[in-house]
């Protein structure tokens, strides 16, 4: 039976779900946050050590400014309201991506959330914000000054101190990685769902984990 250390999520379909409800894309993002909270709680019960959520990609700046502003305010408000609960649940928050390019107010609350939860050990929740995997790999290669090899690149990735994902779950019906953790997902088991992210639930998660544990993982061997 395969050990499960890390699940990564591409949370696709929030905007489409909101439009289907005739309430707009931003309503879908609100519901998407509720789904994240439910999945984190379910993962704590399942004793999954690490979760990574693809929140905002380096390509998402192409979206309407009003939607970007809503997303950033949504994240900021969430942590202002929920950080005490997050701490009490034993959740360690980790942010990776080009954080310095995010709005100052958002950066401040993100850094504060990481500082307040850094000693928590029940589960680590990574939020990939203004993240692009190609840029991450290029930056890791640049930092590998003495010798460019696989070991040195891994040491300079955002995920340098953690195991790579065992499972990637992408909702929304698209079967692509969208510049997400390209190096880290080399041997990850990929699960693509037609469901939109606000529709994803703990039963879906349990089913995927059950299927994952039955997979024979060879990592290049027989």
Protein backbone atom coordinates (compact mmCIF):
# COMPACT_ATOMS: atom_id res chain seq x y z
CA UNK A 1 0.00 0.00 0.00
CA UNK A 2 1.40 3.37 -1.03
CA UNK A 3 2.28 5.87 1.67
CA UNK A 4 0.63 9.26 1.25
CA UNK A 5 2.66 12.34 2.19
CA UNK A 6 1.59 15.15 -0.11
CA UNK A 7 -1.45 16.04 -2.25
CA UNK A 8 -1.42 18.94 -4.72
CA UNK A 9 -4.53 20.61 -6.14
CA UNK A 10 -5.23 22.64 -9.25
CA UNK A 11 -8.53 24.20 -8.21
CA UNK A 12 -10.05 24.79 -11.63
CA UNK A 13 -13.65 25.81 -12.26
CA UNK A 14 -14.55 28.42 -9.63
CA UNK A 15 -15.47 31.09 -12.16
CA UNK A 16 -17.39 28.70 -14.40
CA UNK A 17 -19.30 27.35 -11.41
CA UNK A 18 -20.27 30.87 -10.31
CA UNK A 19 -21.52 31.72 -13.80
CA UNK A 20 -23.56 28.51 -13.93
CA UNK A 21 -25.26 29.64 -10.72
CA UNK A 22 -25.95 32.98 -12.47
CA UNK A 23 -24.10 34.75 -9.65
CA UNK A 24 -20.83 35.63 -11.36
CA UNK A 25 -17.24 34.42 -11.23
CA UNK A 26 -16.47 36.04 -7.88
CA UNK A 27 -19.24 34.06 -6.20
CA UNK A 28 -17.48 30.94 -7.48
CA UNK A 29 -14.24 32.07 -5.85
CA UNK A 30 -16.07 32.53 -2.53
CA UNK A 31 -17.40 28.98 -2.74
CA UNK A 32 -13.94 27.78 -3.73
CA UNK A 33 -12.54 29.01 -0.41
CA UNK A 34 -15.21 27.00 1.43
CA UNK A 35 -14.11 23.90 -0.48
CA UNK A 36 -10.48 24.49 0.53
CA UNK A 37 -11.49 24.67 4.19
CA UNK A 38 -13.46 21.41 3.92
CA UNK A 39 -10.61 19.59 2.17
CA UNK A 40 -8.05 20.76 4.72
CA UNK A 41 -10.26 19.52 7.57
CA UNK A 42 -10.81 16.19 5.84
CA UNK A 43 -7.06 15.84 5.19
CA UNK A 44 -6.27 16.47 8.87
CA UNK A 45 -8.61 13.59 9.78
CA UNK A 46 -6.92 11.42 7.15
CA UNK A 47 -3.50 12.44 8.54
CA UNK A 48 -2.18 13.74 5.23
CA UNK A 49 0.99 15.70 6.15
CA UNK A 50 1.15 18.19 3.26
CA UNK A 51 -1.34 19.89 0.91
CA UNK A 52 -0.48 22.32 -1.87
CA UNK A 53 -3.12 24.52 -3.51
CA UNK A 54 -2.51 26.38 -6.79
CA UNK A 55 -4.17 29.67 -5.83
CA UNK A 56 -2.90 32.24 -8.35
CA UNK A 57 -0.53 31.58 -11.22
CA UNK A 58 1.96 33.97 -12.76
CA UNK A 59 -0.27 33.87 -15.86
CA UNK A 60 -3.42 34.86 -13.94
CA UNK A 61 -2.42 38.54 -14.15
CA UNK A 62 -4.07 38.41 -17.61
CA UNK A 63 -7.49 38.22 -15.93
CA UNK A 64 -9.67 41.32 -15.45
CA UNK A 65 -8.26 43.67 -12.81
CA UNK A 66 -11.54 43.60 -10.90
CA UNK A 67 -11.36 39.80 -10.54
CA UNK A 68 -7.71 39.89 -9.45
CA UNK A 69 -8.52 42.56 -6.86
CA UNK A 70 -11.43 40.46 -5.55
CA UNK A 71 -9.22 37.36 -5.27
CA UNK A 72 -6.49 39.18 -3.36
CA UNK A 73 -9.00 40.81 -1.00
CA UNK A 74 -10.66 37.44 -0.47
CA UNK A 75 -7.36 35.87 0.58
CA UNK A 76 -6.53 38.84 2.82
CA UNK A 77 -9.94 38.80 4.52
CA UNK A 78 -9.76 35.06 5.03
CA UNK A 79 -6.51 35.23 6.98
CA UNK A 80 -7.58 38.29 8.96
CA UNK A 81 -10.71 36.41 10.04
CA UNK A 82 -9.51 32.82 10.25
CA UNK A 83 -5.87 32.92 11.38
CA UNK A 84 -6.76 32.12 15.02
CA UNK A 85 -8.77 29.08 13.91
CA UNK A 86 -5.95 28.03 11.57
CA UNK A 87 -3.47 28.15 14.46
CA UNK A 88 -5.72 26.17 16.80
CA UNK A 89 -6.18 23.44 14.18
CA UNK A 90 -2.42 22.92 14.06
CA UNK A 91 -2.13 24.08 10.45
CA UNK A 92 1.21 25.43 9.25
CA UNK A 93 0.79 27.97 6.43
CA UNK A 94 3.49 28.19 3.79
CA UNK A 95 3.34 30.56 0.80
CA UNK A 96 5.46 30.15 -2.30
CA UNK A 97 5.77 32.07 -5.52
CA UNK A 98 6.91 35.60 -6.33
CA UNK A 99 5.33 37.02 -3.19
CA UNK A 100 7.21 40.31 -3.46
CA UNK A 101 5.10 41.23 -6.50
CA UNK A 102 1.81 40.92 -4.59
CA UNK A 103 0.10 44.00 -3.07
CA UNK A 104 1.75 45.22 0.15
CA UNK A 105 -1.28 44.65 2.40
CA UNK A 106 -1.67 41.09 1.18
CA UNK A 107 2.05 40.38 1.57
CA UNK A 108 1.98 41.60 5.15
CA UNK A 109 -0.91 39.38 6.22
CA UNK A 110 0.64 36.37 4.42
CA UNK A 111 3.99 36.82 6.16
CA UNK A 112 2.21 37.28 9.50
CA UNK A 113 0.20 34.08 8.93
CA UNK A 114 3.35 32.11 8.16
CA UNK A 115 5.08 33.48 11.26
CA UNK A 116 2.13 32.72 13.54
CA UNK A 117 1.80 29.13 12.32
CA UNK A 118 5.44 28.18 11.75
CA UNK A 119 5.56 25.85 14.78
CA UNK A 120 2.38 23.95 13.89
CA UNK A 121 2.93 20.34 12.92
CA UNK A 122 -0.44 18.70 12.28
CA UNK A 123 -0.50 19.59 8.58
CA UNK A 124 1.38 21.94 6.23
CA UNK A 125 -0.78 23.86 3.76
CA UNK A 126 1.17 25.39 0.88
CA UNK A 127 -0.49 28.17 -1.10
CA UNK A 128 1.10 28.79 -4.49
CA UNK A 129 0.56 32.52 -5.13
CA UNK A 130 1.91 34.34 -8.17
CA UNK A 131 3.56 31.03 -8.91
CA UNK A 132 4.98 29.73 -12.18
CA UNK A 133 6.95 26.50 -12.31
CA UNK A 134 9.17 27.44 -15.26
CA UNK A 135 10.35 30.56 -13.42
CA UNK A 136 10.89 28.50 -10.26
CA UNK A 137 13.13 26.04 -12.12
CA UNK A 138 15.10 28.84 -13.83
CA UNK A 139 15.64 30.57 -10.49
CA UNK A 140 16.70 27.28 -8.87
CA UNK A 141 19.22 26.71 -11.68
CA UNK A 142 20.63 30.23 -11.24
CA UNK A 143 21.08 29.62 -7.51
CA UNK A 144 22.97 26.38 -8.20
CA UNK A 145 26.15 28.37 -8.73
CA UNK A 146 28.81 25.82 -7.88
CA UNK A 147 27.42 22.95 -9.90
CA UNK A 148 24.29 22.62 -12.03
CA UNK A 149 22.84 19.22 -11.27
CA UNK A 150 19.57 17.67 -10.13
CA UNK A 151 20.48 17.68 -6.44
CA UNK A 152 21.31 21.39 -6.40
CA UNK A 153 18.19 22.35 -8.34
CA UNK A 154 15.99 20.43 -5.88
CA UNK A 155 17.73 22.23 -2.99
CA UNK A 156 16.71 25.58 -4.49
CA UNK A 157 13.08 24.88 -5.36
CA UNK A 158 10.30 26.33 -3.19
CA UNK A 159 9.65 22.77 -2.00
CA UNK A 160 13.27 22.16 -0.94
CA UNK A 161 12.37 20.92 2.54
CA UNK A 162 9.46 18.66 1.68
CA UNK A 163 8.60 15.51 -0.22
CA UNK A 164 7.16 15.96 -3.70
CA UNK A 165 3.42 15.36 -4.26
CA UNK A 166 2.23 11.77 -4.42
CA UNK A 167 -1.09 12.84 -5.92
CA UNK A 168 -2.17 15.75 -8.12
CA UNK A 169 -5.89 16.45 -8.32
CA UNK A 170 -7.18 18.82 -10.97
CA UNK A 171 -10.87 19.66 -11.13
CA UNK A 172 -12.69 21.40 -13.97
CA UNK A 173 -12.32 18.92 -16.82
CA UNK A 174 -8.98 20.19 -18.21
CA UNK A 175 -6.14 17.68 -18.46
CA UNK A 176 -3.04 19.81 -18.25
CA UNK A 177 -0.57 21.04 -15.61
CA UNK A 178 -0.75 24.76 -16.43
CA UNK A 179 2.83 25.56 -15.35
CA UNK A 180 2.32 24.01 -11.91
CA UNK A 181 5.13 22.11 -10.12
CA UNK A 182 6.53 20.70 -13.36
CA UNK A 183 9.70 19.41 -11.70
CA UNK A 184 7.98 18.08 -8.58
CA UNK A 185 5.22 16.23 -10.46
CA UNK A 186 7.55 14.04 -12.54
CA UNK A 187 6.39 10.81 -10.81
CA UNK A 188 3.15 12.03 -9.27
CA UNK A 189 -0.10 10.13 -9.85
CA UNK A 190 -2.44 12.46 -11.76
CA UNK A 191 -6.21 12.56 -11.25
CA UNK A 192 -8.38 14.75 -13.48
CA UNK A 193 -12.03 15.34 -12.56
CA UNK A 194 -14.89 16.82 -14.57
CA UNK A 195 -16.31 18.34 -11.38
CA UNK A 196 -15.68 22.04 -10.85
CA UNK A 197 -13.73 22.96 -7.71
CA UNK A 198 -16.73 24.20 -5.63
CA UNK A 199 -18.35 20.79 -6.25
CA UNK A 200 -15.33 18.80 -5.02
CA UNK A 201 -15.86 17.16 -1.62
CA UNK A 202 -14.32 14.82 0.93
CA UNK A 203 -15.94 11.78 -0.69
CA UNK A 204 -14.14 12.59 -3.95
CA UNK A 205 -10.91 12.94 -1.98
CA UNK A 206 -11.42 9.62 -0.20
CA UNK A 207 -12.13 7.85 -3.50
CA UNK A 208 -8.96 9.22 -5.11
CA UNK A 209 -6.83 8.27 -2.10
CA UNK A 210 -8.30 4.77 -2.14
CA UNK A 211 -7.44 4.41 -5.83
CA UNK A 212 -3.96 5.83 -5.28
CA UNK A 213 -3.16 3.26 -2.62
CA UNK A 214 -3.86 0.46 -5.12
CA UNK A 215 -1.49 1.81 -7.79
CA UNK A 216 1.81 0.00 -8.36
CA UNK A 217 4.37 2.81 -8.37
CA UNK A 218 7.54 1.70 -10.17
CA UNK A 219 9.49 4.97 -10.48
CA UNK A 220 11.18 3.65 -13.62
CA UNK A 221 11.78 0.10 -12.36
CA UNK A 222 9.73 -3.02 -13.02
